Amino acid sequence: MFTDKGMILTNPGHPQRRREINFLDYVLNFRHNYPVLGQIKSPGYLDGGDVVRAGDHYFLGYTDLAEDIRTNEQGLDQLEYILHKSGHTTSRIPVQKQLHLSSGSSFVGERT
């Protein structure tokens, strides 16, 4: 996940996606020298699709569906800590009946 100040390595909740982070860390940090602001670590889980950026504000989606956790409270706590430390603000949005927050929303600019 990217901010204007660097990247945050997520920790996807779905087991088949967890190895992606090592590859992304290598490609973006080591090959392109993009700074790492932080990393979400277990027991925290965060899928990038649950984050919608609106300028300096981030909307963070979460679900309470125990059978398919993609982003959990511990992951959101860690992400908010990193974002707040970088000067960003956040809001948590419950996600229902869709996989991710970004599956049903997007930021188009000008407060919309």
PDB file of N, CA and C in Angstrom:
ATOM      1  N   MET A   1       0.841  -1.150   0.000  1.00  0.00           N
ATOM      2  CA  MET A   1       0.000   0.000   0.000  1.00  0.00           C
ATOM      3  C   MET A   1       0.902   1.234   0.000  1.00  0.00           C
ATOM      4  N   PHE A   2       0.499   2.266  -0.770  1.00  0.00           N
ATOM      5  CA  PHE A   2       1.349   3.443  -0.939  1.00  0.00           C
ATOM      6  C   PHE A   2       0.755   4.690  -0.291  1.00  0.00           C
ATOM      7  N   THR A   3       1.640   5.515   0.215  1.00  0.00           N
ATOM      8  CA  THR A   3       1.295   6.865   0.633  1.00  0.00           C
ATOM      9  C   THR A   3       2.251   7.785  -0.122  1.00  0.00           C
ATOM     10  N   ASP A   4       2.079   9.077   0.046  1.00  0.00           N
ATOM     11  CA  ASP A   4       2.989  10.012  -0.613  1.00  0.00           C
ATOM     12  C   ASP A   4       4.366  10.030   0.045  1.00  0.00           C
ATOM     13  N   LYS A   5       4.507   9.389   1.208  1.00  0.00           N
ATOM     14  CA  LYS A   5       5.778   9.383   1.935  1.00  0.00           C
ATOM     15  C   LYS A   5       6.502   8.045   1.902  1.00  0.00           C
ATOM     16  N   GLY A   6       5.855   7.011   1.379  1.00  0.00           N
ATOM     17  CA  GLY A   6       6.467   5.696   1.326  1.00  0.00           C
ATOM     18  C   GLY A   6       5.416   4.614   1.287  1.00  0.00           C
ATOM     19  N   MET A   7       5.853   3.373   1.392  1.00  0.00           N
ATOM     20  CA  MET A   7       4.917   2.257   1.324  1.00  0.00           C
ATOM     21  C   MET A   7       4.762   1.594   2.689  1.00  0.00           C
ATOM     22  N   ILE A   8       3.614   0.944   2.849  1.00  0.00           N
ATOM     23  CA  ILE A   8       3.328   0.157   4.040  1.00  0.00           C
ATOM     24  C   ILE A   8       3.079  -1.262   3.563  1.00  0.00           C
ATOM     25  N   LEU A   9       3.849  -2.189   4.073  1.00  0.00           N
ATOM     26  CA  LEU A   9       3.673  -3.585   3.681  1.00  0.00           C
ATOM     27  C   LEU A   9       2.484  -4.168   4.437  1.00  0.00           C
ATOM     28  N   THR A  10       1.523  -4.666   3.693  1.00  0.00           N
ATOM     29  CA  THR A  10       0.333  -5.240   4.309  1.00  0.00           C
ATOM     30  C   THR A  10       0.601  -6.682   4.707  1.00  0.00           C
ATOM     31  N   ASN A  11      -0.370  -7.295   5.328  1.00  0.00           N
ATOM     32  CA  ASN A  11      -0.312  -8.708   5.702  1.00  0.00           C
ATOM     33  C   ASN A  11      -1.693  -9.281   5.369  1.00  0.00           C
ATOM     34  N   PRO A  12      -1.888  -9.724   4.114  1.00  0.00           N
ATOM     35  CA  PRO A  12      -3.210 -10.175   3.688  1.00  0.00           C
ATOM     36  C   PRO A  12      -3.767 -11.289   4.570  1.00  0.00           C
ATOM     37  N   GLY A  13      -5.074 -11.203   4.830  1.00  0.00           N
ATOM     38  CA  GLY A  13      -5.729 -12.185   5.683  1.00  0.00           C
ATOM     39  C   GLY A  13      -5.906 -13.546   5.037  1.00  0.00           C
ATOM     40  N   HIS A  14      -6.035 -13.582   3.723  1.00  0.00           N
ATOM     41  CA  HIS A  14      -6.225 -14.864   3.049  1.00  0.00           C
ATOM     42  C   HIS A  14      -4.883 -15.585   2.954  1.00  0.00           C
ATOM     43  N   PRO A  15      -4.814 -16.828   3.435  1.00  0.00           N
ATOM     44  CA  PRO A  15      -3.524 -17.543   3.486  1.00  0.00           C
ATOM     45  C   PRO A  15      -2.801 -17.641   2.146  1.00  0.00           C
ATOM     46  N   GLN A  16      -3.507 -17.749   1.041  1.00  0.00           N
ATOM     47  CA  GLN A  16      -2.859 -17.888  -0.265  1.00  0.00           C
ATOM     48  C   GLN A  16      -2.199 -16.596  -0.743  1.00  0.00           C
ATOM     49  N   ARG A  17      -2.476 -15.490  -0.100  1.00  0.00           N
ATOM     50  CA  ARG A  17      -1.913 -14.206  -0.532  1.00  0.00           C
ATOM     51  C   ARG A  17      -0.741 -13.741   0.335  1.00  0.00           C
ATOM     52  N   ARG A  18      -0.420 -14.443   1.379  1.00  0.00           N
ATOM     53  CA  ARG A  18       0.574 -13.934   2.339  1.00  0.00           C
ATOM     54  C   ARG A  18       2.000 -13.879   1.800  1.00  0.00           C
ATOM     55  N   ARG A  19       2.339 -14.716   0.837  1.00  0.00           N
ATOM     56  CA  ARG A  19       3.702 -14.696   0.301  1.00  0.00           C
ATOM     57  C   ARG A  19       3.951 -13.515  -0.628  1.00  0.00           C
ATOM     58  N   GLU A  20       2.888 -12.821  -1.048  1.00  0.00           N
ATOM     59  CA  GLU A  20       3.048 -11.675  -1.944  1.00  0.00           C
ATOM     60  C   GLU A  20       3.913 -10.585  -1.332  1.00  0.00           C
ATOM     61  N   ILE A  21       3.863 -10.441  -0.029  1.00  0.00           N
ATOM     62  CA  ILE A  21       4.532  -9.325   0.630  1.00  0.00           C
ATOM     63  C   ILE A  21       6.042  -9.387   0.454  1.00  0.00           C
ATOM     64  N   ASN A  22       6.629 -10.568   0.545  1.00  0.00           N
ATOM     65  CA  ASN A  22       8.080 -10.686   0.372  1.00  0.00           C
ATOM     66  C   ASN A  22       8.504 -10.221  -1.018  1.00  0.00           C
ATOM     67  N   PHE A  23       7.731 -10.577  -2.029  1.00  0.00           N
ATOM     68  CA  PHE A  23       8.040 -10.176  -3.389  1.00  0.00           C
ATOM     69  C   PHE A  23       7.907  -8.660  -3.547  1.00  0.00           C
ATOM     70  N   LEU A  24       6.823  -8.094  -3.056  1.00  0.00           N
ATOM     71  CA  LEU A  24       6.611  -6.656  -3.175  1.00  0.00           C
ATOM     72  C   LEU A  24       7.673  -5.867  -2.430  1.00  0.00           C
ATOM     73  N   ASP A  25       8.050  -6.339  -1.258  1.00  0.00           N
ATOM     74  CA  ASP A  25       9.106  -5.680  -0.493  1.00  0.00           C
ATOM     75  C   ASP A  25      10.390  -5.641  -1.309  1.00  0.00           C
ATOM     76  N   TYR A  26      10.737  -6.756  -1.919  1.00  0.00           N
ATOM     77  CA  TYR A  26      11.951  -6.830  -2.720  1.00  0.00           C
ATOM     78  C   TYR A  26      11.892  -5.890  -3.916  1.00  0.00           C
ATOM     79  N   VAL A  27      10.814  -5.982  -4.690  1.00  0.00           N
ATOM     80  CA  VAL A  27      10.713  -5.192  -5.915  1.00  0.00           C
ATOM     81  C   VAL A  27      10.656  -3.695  -5.620  1.00  0.00           C
ATOM     82  N   LEU A  28       9.806  -3.296  -4.702  1.00  0.00           N
ATOM     83  CA  LEU A  28       9.594  -1.867  -4.482  1.00  0.00           C
ATOM     84  C   LEU A  28      10.669  -1.219  -3.621  1.00  0.00           C
ATOM     85  N   ASN A  29      11.134  -1.912  -2.611  1.00  0.00           N
ATOM     86  CA  ASN A  29      12.115  -1.319  -1.715  1.00  0.00           C
ATOM     87  C   ASN A  29      13.539  -1.483  -2.246  1.00  0.00           C
ATOM     88  N   PHE A  30      13.926  -2.703  -2.524  1.00  0.00           N
ATOM     89  CA  PHE A  30      15.310  -2.956  -2.900  1.00  0.00           C
ATOM     90  C   PHE A  30      15.609  -2.560  -4.346  1.00  0.00           C
ATOM     91  N   ARG A  31      14.685  -2.776  -5.256  1.00  0.00           N
ATOM     92  CA  ARG A  31      14.958  -2.461  -6.653  1.00  0.00           C
ATOM     93  C   ARG A  31      14.639  -1.017  -7.009  1.00  0.00           C
ATOM     94  N   HIS A  32      13.647  -0.422  -6.348  1.00  0.00           N
ATOM     95  CA  HIS A  32      13.242   0.938  -6.706  1.00  0.00           C
ATOM     96  C   HIS A  32      13.486   1.937  -5.580  1.00  0.00           C
ATOM     97  N   ASN A  33      14.032   1.480  -4.473  1.00  0.00           N
ATOM     98  CA  ASN A  33      14.380   2.341  -3.346  1.00  0.00           C
ATOM     99  C   ASN A  33      13.198   3.148  -2.827  1.00  0.00           C
ATOM    100  N   TYR A  34      12.013   2.544  -2.825  1.00  0.00           N
ATOM    101  CA  TYR A  34      10.831   3.199  -2.286  1.00  0.00           C
ATOM    102  C   TYR A  34      10.822   2.947  -0.788  1.00  0.00           C
ATOM    103  N   PRO A  35      10.789   3.983   0.059  1.00  0.00           N
ATOM    104  CA  PRO A  35      10.922   3.791   1.502  1.00  0.00           C
ATOM    105  C   PRO A  35       9.752   3.017   2.121  1.00  0.00           C
ATOM    106  N   VAL A  36      10.070   2.202   3.101  1.00  0.00           N
ATOM    107  CA  VAL A  36       9.060   1.441   3.843  1.00  0.00           C
ATOM    108  C   VAL A  36       8.758   2.192   5.132  1.00  0.00           C
ATOM    109  N   LEU A  37       7.499   2.597   5.303  1.00  0.00           N
ATOM    110  CA  LEU A  37       7.078   3.307   6.516  1.00  0.00           C
ATOM    111  C   LEU A  37       6.760   2.353   7.649  1.00  0.00           C
ATOM    112  N   GLY A  38       6.372   1.139   7.319  1.00  0.00           N
ATOM    113  CA  GLY A  38       6.009   0.158   8.323  1.00  0.00           C
ATOM    114  C   GLY A  38       5.462  -1.093   7.687  1.00  0.00           C
ATOM    115  N   GLN A  39       5.161  -2.068   8.532  1.00  0.00           N
ATOM    116  CA  GLN A  39       4.652  -3.349   8.058  1.00  0.00           C
ATOM    117  C   GLN A  39       3.600  -3.856   9.029  1.00  0.00           C
ATOM    118  N   ILE A  40       2.524  -4.411   8.501  1.00  0.00           N
ATOM    119  CA  ILE A  40       1.478  -5.026   9.310  1.00  0.00           C
ATOM    120  C   ILE A  40       1.943  -6.440   9.641  1.00  0.00           C
ATOM    121  N   LYS A  41       1.937  -6.785  10.924  1.00  0.00           N
ATOM    122  CA  LYS A  41       2.437  -8.093  11.360  1.00  0.00           C
ATOM    123  C   LYS A  41       1.358  -8.860  12.105  1.00  0.00           C
ATOM    124  N   SER A  42       1.429 -10.187  12.007  1.00  0.00           N
ATOM    125  CA  SER A  42       0.476 -11.060  12.708  1.00  0.00           C
ATOM    126  C   SER A  42       0.526 -10.789  14.194  1.00  0.00           C
ATOM    127  N   PRO A  43      -0.627 -10.796  14.835  1.00  0.00           N
ATOM    128  CA  PRO A  43      -1.919 -11.319  14.390  1.00  0.00           C
ATOM    129  C   PRO A  43      -2.745 -10.318  13.599  1.00  0.00           C
ATOM    130  N   GLY A  44      -2.129  -9.216  13.157  1.00  0.00           N
ATOM    131  CA  GLY A  44      -2.845  -8.240  12.345  1.00  0.00           C
ATOM    132  C   GLY A  44      -2.885  -8.657  10.890  1.00  0.00           C
ATOM    133  N   TYR A  45      -4.034  -8.444  10.254  1.00  0.00           N
ATOM    134  CA  TYR A  45      -4.205  -8.718   8.833  1.00  0.00           C
ATOM    135  C   TYR A  45      -4.784  -7.492   8.162  1.00  0.00           C
ATOM    136  N   LEU A  46      -4.280  -7.199   6.960  1.00  0.00           N
ATOM    137  CA  LEU A  46      -4.762  -6.053   6.206  1.00  0.00           C
ATOM    138  C   LEU A  46      -4.635  -6.343   4.723  1.00  0.00           C
ATOM    139  N   ASP A  47      -5.749  -6.272   3.999  1.00  0.00           N
ATOM    140  CA  ASP A  47      -5.751  -6.366   2.544  1.00  0.00           C
ATOM    141  C   ASP A  47      -5.801  -4.950   1.984  1.00  0.00           C
ATOM    142  N   GLY A  48      -4.998  -4.674   0.986  1.00  0.00           N
ATOM    143  CA  GLY A  48      -4.972  -3.350   0.379  1.00  0.00           C
ATOM    144  C   GLY A  48      -6.318  -2.906  -0.172  1.00  0.00           C
ATOM    145  N   GLY A  49      -7.162  -3.841  -0.569  1.00  0.00           N
ATOM    146  CA  GLY A  49      -8.483  -3.507  -1.083  1.00  0.00           C
ATOM    147  C   GLY A  49      -9.411  -2.930  -0.036  1.00  0.00           C
ATOM    148  N   ASP A  50      -9.023  -3.011   1.226  1.00  0.00           N
ATOM    149  CA  ASP A  50      -9.827  -2.445   2.300  1.00  0.00           C
ATOM    150  C   ASP A  50      -9.400  -1.023   2.651  1.00  0.00           C
ATOM    151  N   VAL A  51      -8.556  -0.432   1.816  1.00  0.00           N
ATOM    152  CA  VAL A  51      -8.080   0.926   2.059  1.00  0.00           C
ATOM    153  C   VAL A  51      -8.447   1.798   0.852  1.00  0.00           C
ATOM    154  N   VAL A  52      -9.142   2.895   1.106  1.00  0.00           N
ATOM    155  CA  VAL A  52      -9.475   3.871   0.067  1.00  0.00           C
ATOM    156  C   VAL A  52      -8.911   5.216   0.512  1.00  0.00           C
ATOM    157  N   ARG A  53      -8.020   5.751  -0.300  1.00  0.00           N
ATOM    158  CA  ARG A  53      -7.368   7.026   0.024  1.00  0.00           C
ATOM    159  C   ARG A  53      -8.166   8.177  -0.574  1.00  0.00           C
ATOM    160  N   ALA A  54      -8.329   9.220   0.226  1.00  0.00           N
ATOM    161  CA  ALA A  54      -8.983  10.452  -0.218  1.00  0.00           C
ATOM    162  C   ALA A  54      -8.101  11.610   0.216  1.00  0.00           C
ATOM    163  N   GLY A  55      -7.131  11.951  -0.597  1.00  0.00           N
ATOM    164  CA  GLY A  55      -6.164  12.977  -0.225  1.00  0.00           C
ATOM    165  C   GLY A  55      -5.283  12.487   0.905  1.00  0.00           C
ATOM    166  N   ASP A  56      -5.285  13.207   2.031  1.00  0.00           N
ATOM    167  CA  ASP A  56      -4.500  12.794   3.197  1.00  0.00           C
ATOM    168  C   ASP A  56      -5.311  11.964   4.180  1.00  0.00           C
ATOM    169  N   HIS A  57      -6.531  11.611   3.801  1.00  0.00           N
ATOM    170  CA  HIS A  57      -7.406  10.820   4.668  1.00  0.00           C
ATOM    171  C   HIS A  57      -7.555   9.421   4.080  1.00  0.00           C
ATOM    172  N   TYR A  58      -7.582   8.430   4.962  1.00  0.00           N
ATOM    173  CA  TYR A  58      -7.729   7.044   4.529  1.00  0.00           C
ATOM    174  C   TYR A  58      -8.976   6.440   5.165  1.00  0.00           C
ATOM    175  N   PHE A  59      -9.841   5.866   4.322  1.00  0.00           N
ATOM    176  CA  PHE A  59     -10.995   5.111   4.792  1.00  0.00           C
ATOM    177  C   PHE A  59     -10.563   3.654   4.864  1.00  0.00           C
ATOM    178  N   LEU A  60     -10.784   3.031   6.016  1.00  0.00           N
ATOM    179  CA  LEU A  60     -10.307   1.677   6.273  1.00  0.00           C
ATOM    180  C   LEU A  60     -11.498   0.745   6.482  1.00  0.00           C
ATOM    181  N   GLY A  61     -11.635  -0.233   5.610  1.00  0.00           N
ATOM    182  CA  GLY A  61     -12.738  -1.178   5.708  1.00  0.00           C
ATOM    183  C   GLY A  61     -12.379  -2.364   6.573  1.00  0.00           C
ATOM    184  N   TYR A  62     -13.391  -2.935   7.213  1.00  0.00           N
ATOM    185  CA  TYR A  62     -13.202  -4.151   8.003  1.00  0.00           C
ATOM    186  C   TYR A  62     -14.483  -4.965   7.962  1.00  0.00           C
ATOM    187  N   THR A  63     -14.340  -6.254   8.188  1.00  0.00           N
ATOM    188  CA  THR A  63     -15.484  -7.147   8.196  1.00  0.00           C
ATOM    189  C   THR A  63     -15.488  -7.969   9.471  1.00  0.00           C
ATOM    190  N   ASP A  64     -16.657  -8.329   9.907  1.00  0.00           N
ATOM    191  CA  ASP A  64     -16.792  -9.196  11.082  1.00  0.00           C
ATOM    192  C   ASP A  64     -17.115 -10.634  10.702  1.00  0.00           C
ATOM    193  N   LEU A  65     -16.976 -10.970   9.422  1.00  0.00           N
ATOM    194  CA  LEU A  65     -17.262 -12.327   8.978  1.00  0.00           C
ATOM    195  C   LEU A  65     -16.101 -13.239   9.354  1.00  0.00           C
ATOM    196  N   ALA A  66     -16.267 -14.004  10.409  1.00  0.00           N
ATOM    197  CA  ALA A  66     -15.170 -14.810  10.955  1.00  0.00           C
ATOM    198  C   ALA A  66     -14.625 -15.823   9.951  1.00  0.00           C
ATOM    199  N   GLU A  67     -15.462 -16.285   9.010  1.00  0.00           N
ATOM    200  CA  GLU A  67     -15.007 -17.318   8.081  1.00  0.00           C
ATOM    201  C   GLU A  67     -14.128 -16.762   6.955  1.00  0.00           C
ATOM    202  N   ASP A  68     -14.076 -15.457   6.782  1.00  0.00           N
ATOM    203  CA  ASP A  68     -13.316 -14.896   5.674  1.00  0.00           C
ATOM    204  C   ASP A  68     -12.725 -13.534   6.049  1.00  0.00           C
ATOM    205  N   ILE A  69     -11.887 -13.526   7.065  1.00  0.00           N
ATOM    206  CA  ILE A  69     -11.267 -12.271   7.503  1.00  0.00           C
ATOM    207  C   ILE A  69     -10.171 -11.880   6.527  1.00  0.00           C
ATOM    208  N   ARG A  70     -10.292 -10.709   5.948  1.00  0.00           N
ATOM    209  CA  ARG A  70      -9.260 -10.157   5.068  1.00  0.00           C
ATOM    210  C   ARG A  70      -8.486  -9.073   5.803  1.00  0.00           C
ATOM    211  N   THR A  71      -9.215  -8.284   6.600  1.00  0.00           N
ATOM    212  CA  THR A  71      -8.630  -7.223   7.405  1.00  0.00           C
ATOM    213  C   THR A  71      -9.246  -7.315   8.796  1.00  0.00           C
ATOM    214  N   ASN A  72      -8.403  -7.312   9.828  1.00  0.00           N
ATOM    215  CA  ASN A  72      -8.954  -7.409  11.186  1.00  0.00           C
ATOM    216  C   ASN A  72      -8.578  -6.177  12.014  1.00  0.00           C
ATOM    217  N   GLU A  73      -9.094  -6.136  13.222  1.00  0.00           N
ATOM    218  CA  GLU A  73      -8.894  -4.976  14.099  1.00  0.00           C
ATOM    219  C   GLU A  73      -7.417  -4.739  14.407  1.00  0.00           C
ATOM    220  N   GLN A  74      -6.666  -5.818  14.635  1.00  0.00           N
ATOM    221  CA  GLN A  74      -5.238  -5.663  14.924  1.00  0.00           C
ATOM    222  C   GLN A  74      -4.496  -5.056  13.727  1.00  0.00           C
ATOM    223  N   GLY A  75      -4.880  -5.457  12.519  1.00  0.00           N
ATOM    224  CA  GLY A  75      -4.275  -4.894  11.321  1.00  0.00           C
ATOM    225  C   GLY A  75      -4.600  -3.411  11.173  1.00  0.00           C
ATOM    226  N   LEU A  76      -5.855  -3.061  11.464  1.00  0.00           N
ATOM    227  CA  LEU A  76      -6.262  -1.655  11.390  1.00  0.00           C
ATOM    228  C   LEU A  76      -5.546  -0.818  12.440  1.00  0.00           C
ATOM    229  N   ASP A  77      -5.390  -1.373  13.648  1.00  0.00           N
ATOM    230  CA  ASP A  77      -4.667  -0.653  14.705  1.00  0.00           C
ATOM    231  C   ASP A  77      -3.246  -0.324  14.262  1.00  0.00           C
ATOM    232  N   GLN A  78      -2.575  -1.310  13.673  1.00  0.00           N
ATOM    233  CA  GLN A  78      -1.197  -1.103  13.229  1.00  0.00           C
ATOM    234  C   GLN A  78      -1.136  -0.091  12.088  1.00  0.00           C
ATOM    235  N   LEU A  79      -2.064  -0.204  11.136  1.00  0.00           N
ATOM    236  CA  LEU A  79      -2.075   0.721  10.000  1.00  0.00           C
ATOM    237  C   LEU A  79      -2.357   2.144  10.465  1.00  0.00           C
ATOM    238  N   GLU A  80      -3.321   2.308  11.349  1.00  0.00           N
ATOM    239  CA  GLU A  80      -3.628   3.652  11.844  1.00  0.00           C
ATOM    240  C   GLU A  80      -2.422   4.260  12.558  1.00  0.00           C
ATOM    241  N   TYR A  81      -1.706   3.473  13.321  1.00  0.00           N
ATOM    242  CA  TYR A  81      -0.512   3.968  14.000  1.00  0.00           C
ATOM    243  C   TYR A  81       0.500   4.498  12.982  1.00  0.00           C
ATOM    244  N   ILE A  82       0.751   3.732  11.928  1.00  0.00           N
ATOM    245  CA  ILE A  82       1.715   4.131  10.902  1.00  0.00           C
ATOM    246  C   ILE A  82       1.232   5.377  10.163  1.00  0.00           C
ATOM    247  N   LEU A  83      -0.047   5.384   9.771  1.00  0.00           N
ATOM    248  CA  LEU A  83      -0.585   6.528   9.026  1.00  0.00           C
ATOM    249  C   LEU A  83      -0.620   7.799   9.874  1.00  0.00           C
ATOM    250  N   HIS A  84      -1.053   7.675  11.130  1.00  0.00           N
ATOM    251  CA  HIS A  84      -1.116   8.854  12.001  1.00  0.00           C
ATOM    252  C   HIS A  84       0.285   9.422  12.245  1.00  0.00           C
ATOM    253  N   LYS A  85       1.254   8.539  12.398  1.00  0.00           N
ATOM    254  CA  LYS A  85       2.641   8.962  12.596  1.00  0.00           C
ATOM    255  C   LYS A  85       3.154   9.734  11.373  1.00  0.00           C
ATOM    256  N   SER A  86       2.596   9.442  10.212  1.00  0.00           N
ATOM    257  CA  SER A  86       2.990  10.111   8.969  1.00  0.00           C
ATOM    258  C   SER A  86       2.131  11.334   8.662  1.00  0.00           C
ATOM    259  N   GLY A  87       1.219  11.707   9.585  1.00  0.00           N
ATOM    260  CA  GLY A  87       0.411  12.902   9.406  1.00  0.00           C
ATOM    261  C   GLY A  87      -0.912  12.707   8.691  1.00  0.00           C
ATOM    262  N   HIS A  88      -1.331  11.466   8.509  1.00  0.00           N
ATOM    263  CA  HIS A  88      -2.591  11.175   7.835  1.00  0.00           C
ATOM    264  C   HIS A  88      -3.697  10.922   8.857  1.00  0.00           C
ATOM    265  N   THR A  89      -4.940  11.082   8.424  1.00  0.00           N
ATOM    266  CA  THR A  89      -6.098  10.781   9.265  1.00  0.00           C
ATOM    267  C   THR A  89      -6.811   9.560   8.702  1.00  0.00           C
ATOM    268  N   THR A  90      -7.641   8.919   9.551  1.00  0.00           N
ATOM    269  CA  THR A  90      -8.327   7.692   9.136  1.00  0.00           C
ATOM    270  C   THR A  90      -9.759   7.653   9.667  1.00  0.00           C
ATOM    271  N   SER A  91     -10.579   6.852   9.011  1.00  0.00           N
ATOM    272  CA  SER A  91     -11.927   6.507   9.463  1.00  0.00           C
ATOM    273  C   SER A  91     -12.144   5.034   9.176  1.00  0.00           C
ATOM    274  N   ARG A  92     -12.765   4.338  10.105  1.00  0.00           N
ATOM    275  CA  ARG A  92     -13.086   2.921   9.897  1.00  0.00           C
ATOM    276  C   ARG A  92     -14.506   2.777   9.366  1.00  0.00           C
ATOM    277  N   ILE A  93     -14.644   1.917   8.363  1.00  0.00           N
ATOM    278  CA  ILE A  93     -15.928   1.695   7.711  1.00  0.00           C
ATOM    279  C   ILE A  93     -16.236   0.190   7.731  1.00  0.00           C
ATOM    280  N   PRO A  94     -17.377  -0.214   8.316  1.00  0.00           N
ATOM    281  CA  PRO A  94     -17.730  -1.635   8.265  1.00  0.00           C
ATOM    282  C   PRO A  94     -18.076  -2.056   6.835  1.00  0.00           C
ATOM    283  N   VAL A  95     -17.576  -3.208   6.430  1.00  0.00           N
ATOM    284  CA  VAL A  95     -17.830  -3.748   5.089  1.00  0.00           C
ATOM    285  C   VAL A  95     -18.788  -4.916   5.226  1.00  0.00           C
ATOM    286  N   GLN A  96     -19.886  -4.854   4.494  1.00  0.00           N
ATOM    287  CA  GLN A  96     -20.878  -5.921   4.529  1.00  0.00           C
ATOM    288  C   GLN A  96     -21.260  -6.291   3.102  1.00  0.00           C
ATOM    289  N   LYS A  97     -21.390  -7.575   2.854  1.00  0.00           N
ATOM    290  CA  LYS A  97     -21.875  -8.108   1.570  1.00  0.00           C
ATOM    291  C   LYS A  97     -20.980  -7.779   0.391  1.00  0.00           C
ATOM    292  N   GLN A  98     -19.715  -7.535   0.630  1.00  0.00           N
ATOM    293  CA  GLN A  98     -18.733  -7.384  -0.443  1.00  0.00           C
ATOM    294  C   GLN A  98     -17.371  -7.777   0.104  1.00  0.00           C
ATOM    295  N   LEU A  99     -16.451  -8.097  -0.782  1.00  0.00           N
ATOM    296  CA  LEU A  99     -15.147  -8.600  -0.356  1.00  0.00           C
ATOM    297  C   LEU A  99     -14.295  -7.524   0.317  1.00  0.00           C
ATOM    298  N   HIS A 100     -14.218  -6.347  -0.279  1.00  0.00           N
ATOM    299  CA  HIS A 100     -13.373  -5.266   0.227  1.00  0.00           C
ATOM    300  C   HIS A 100     -14.111  -3.932   0.183  1.00  0.00           C
ATOM    301  N   LEU A 101     -13.610  -2.970   0.942  1.00  0.00           N
ATOM    302  CA  LEU A 101     -14.171  -1.625   0.891  1.00  0.00           C
ATOM    303  C   LEU A 101     -14.108  -1.064  -0.527  1.00  0.00           C
ATOM    304  N   SER A 102     -12.987  -1.272  -1.211  1.00  0.00           N
ATOM    305  CA  SER A 102     -12.839  -0.721  -2.560  1.00  0.00           C
ATOM    306  C   SER A 102     -13.699  -1.443  -3.594  1.00  0.00           C
ATOM    307  N   SER A 103     -14.297  -2.561  -3.232  1.00  0.00           N
ATOM    308  CA  SER A 103     -15.209  -3.249  -4.150  1.00  0.00           C
ATOM    309  C   SER A 103     -16.492  -2.456  -4.356  1.00  0.00           C
ATOM    310  N   GLY A 104     -16.831  -1.601  -3.394  1.00  0.00           N
ATOM    311  CA  GLY A 104     -18.080  -0.866  -3.493  1.00  0.00           C
ATOM    312  C   GLY A 104     -17.921   0.625  -3.316  1.00  0.00           C
ATOM    313  N   SER A 105     -16.685   1.139  -3.354  1.00  0.00           N
ATOM    314  CA  SER A 105     -16.484   2.569  -3.174  1.00  0.00           C
ATOM    315  C   SER A 105     -15.183   2.999  -3.824  1.00  0.00           C
ATOM    316  N   SER A 106     -15.087   4.274  -4.110  1.00  0.00           N
ATOM    317  CA  SER A 106     -13.835   4.846  -4.623  1.00  0.00           C
ATOM    318  C   SER A 106     -13.861   6.357  -4.399  1.00  0.00           C
ATOM    319  N   PHE A 107     -12.705   6.956  -4.450  1.00  0.00           N
ATOM    320  CA  PHE A 107     -12.563   8.401  -4.296  1.00  0.00           C
ATOM    321  C   PHE A 107     -12.322   8.976  -5.681  1.00  0.00           C
ATOM    322  N   VAL A 108     -13.127   9.930  -6.102  1.00  0.00           N
ATOM    323  CA  VAL A 108     -12.965  10.516  -7.426  1.00  0.00           C
ATOM    324  C   VAL A 108     -12.425  11.941  -7.364  1.00  0.00           C
ATOM    325  N   GLY A 109     -12.216  12.454  -6.158  1.00  0.00           N
ATOM    326  CA  GLY A 109     -11.653  13.784  -5.988  1.00  0.00           C
ATOM    327  C   GLY A 109     -12.688  14.802  -5.575  1.00  0.00           C
ATOM    328  N   GLU A 110     -12.200  15.982  -5.178  1.00  0.00           N
ATOM    329  CA  GLU A 110     -13.088  17.071  -4.785  1.00  0.00           C
ATOM    330  C   GLU A 110     -14.126  16.658  -3.752  1.00  0.00           C
ATOM    331  N   ARG A 111     -13.710  15.945  -2.721  1.00  0.00           N
ATOM    332  CA  ARG A 111     -14.586  15.532  -1.599  1.00  0.00           C
ATOM    333  C   ARG A 111     -15.714  14.600  -2.024  1.00  0.00           C
ATOM    334  N   THR A 112     -15.541  13.889  -3.130  1.00  0.00           N
ATOM    335  CA  THR A 112     -16.572  12.956  -3.624  1.00  0.00           C
ATOM    336  C   THR A 112     -16.038  11.535  -3.641  1.00  0.00           C
TER     337      THR A 112
END
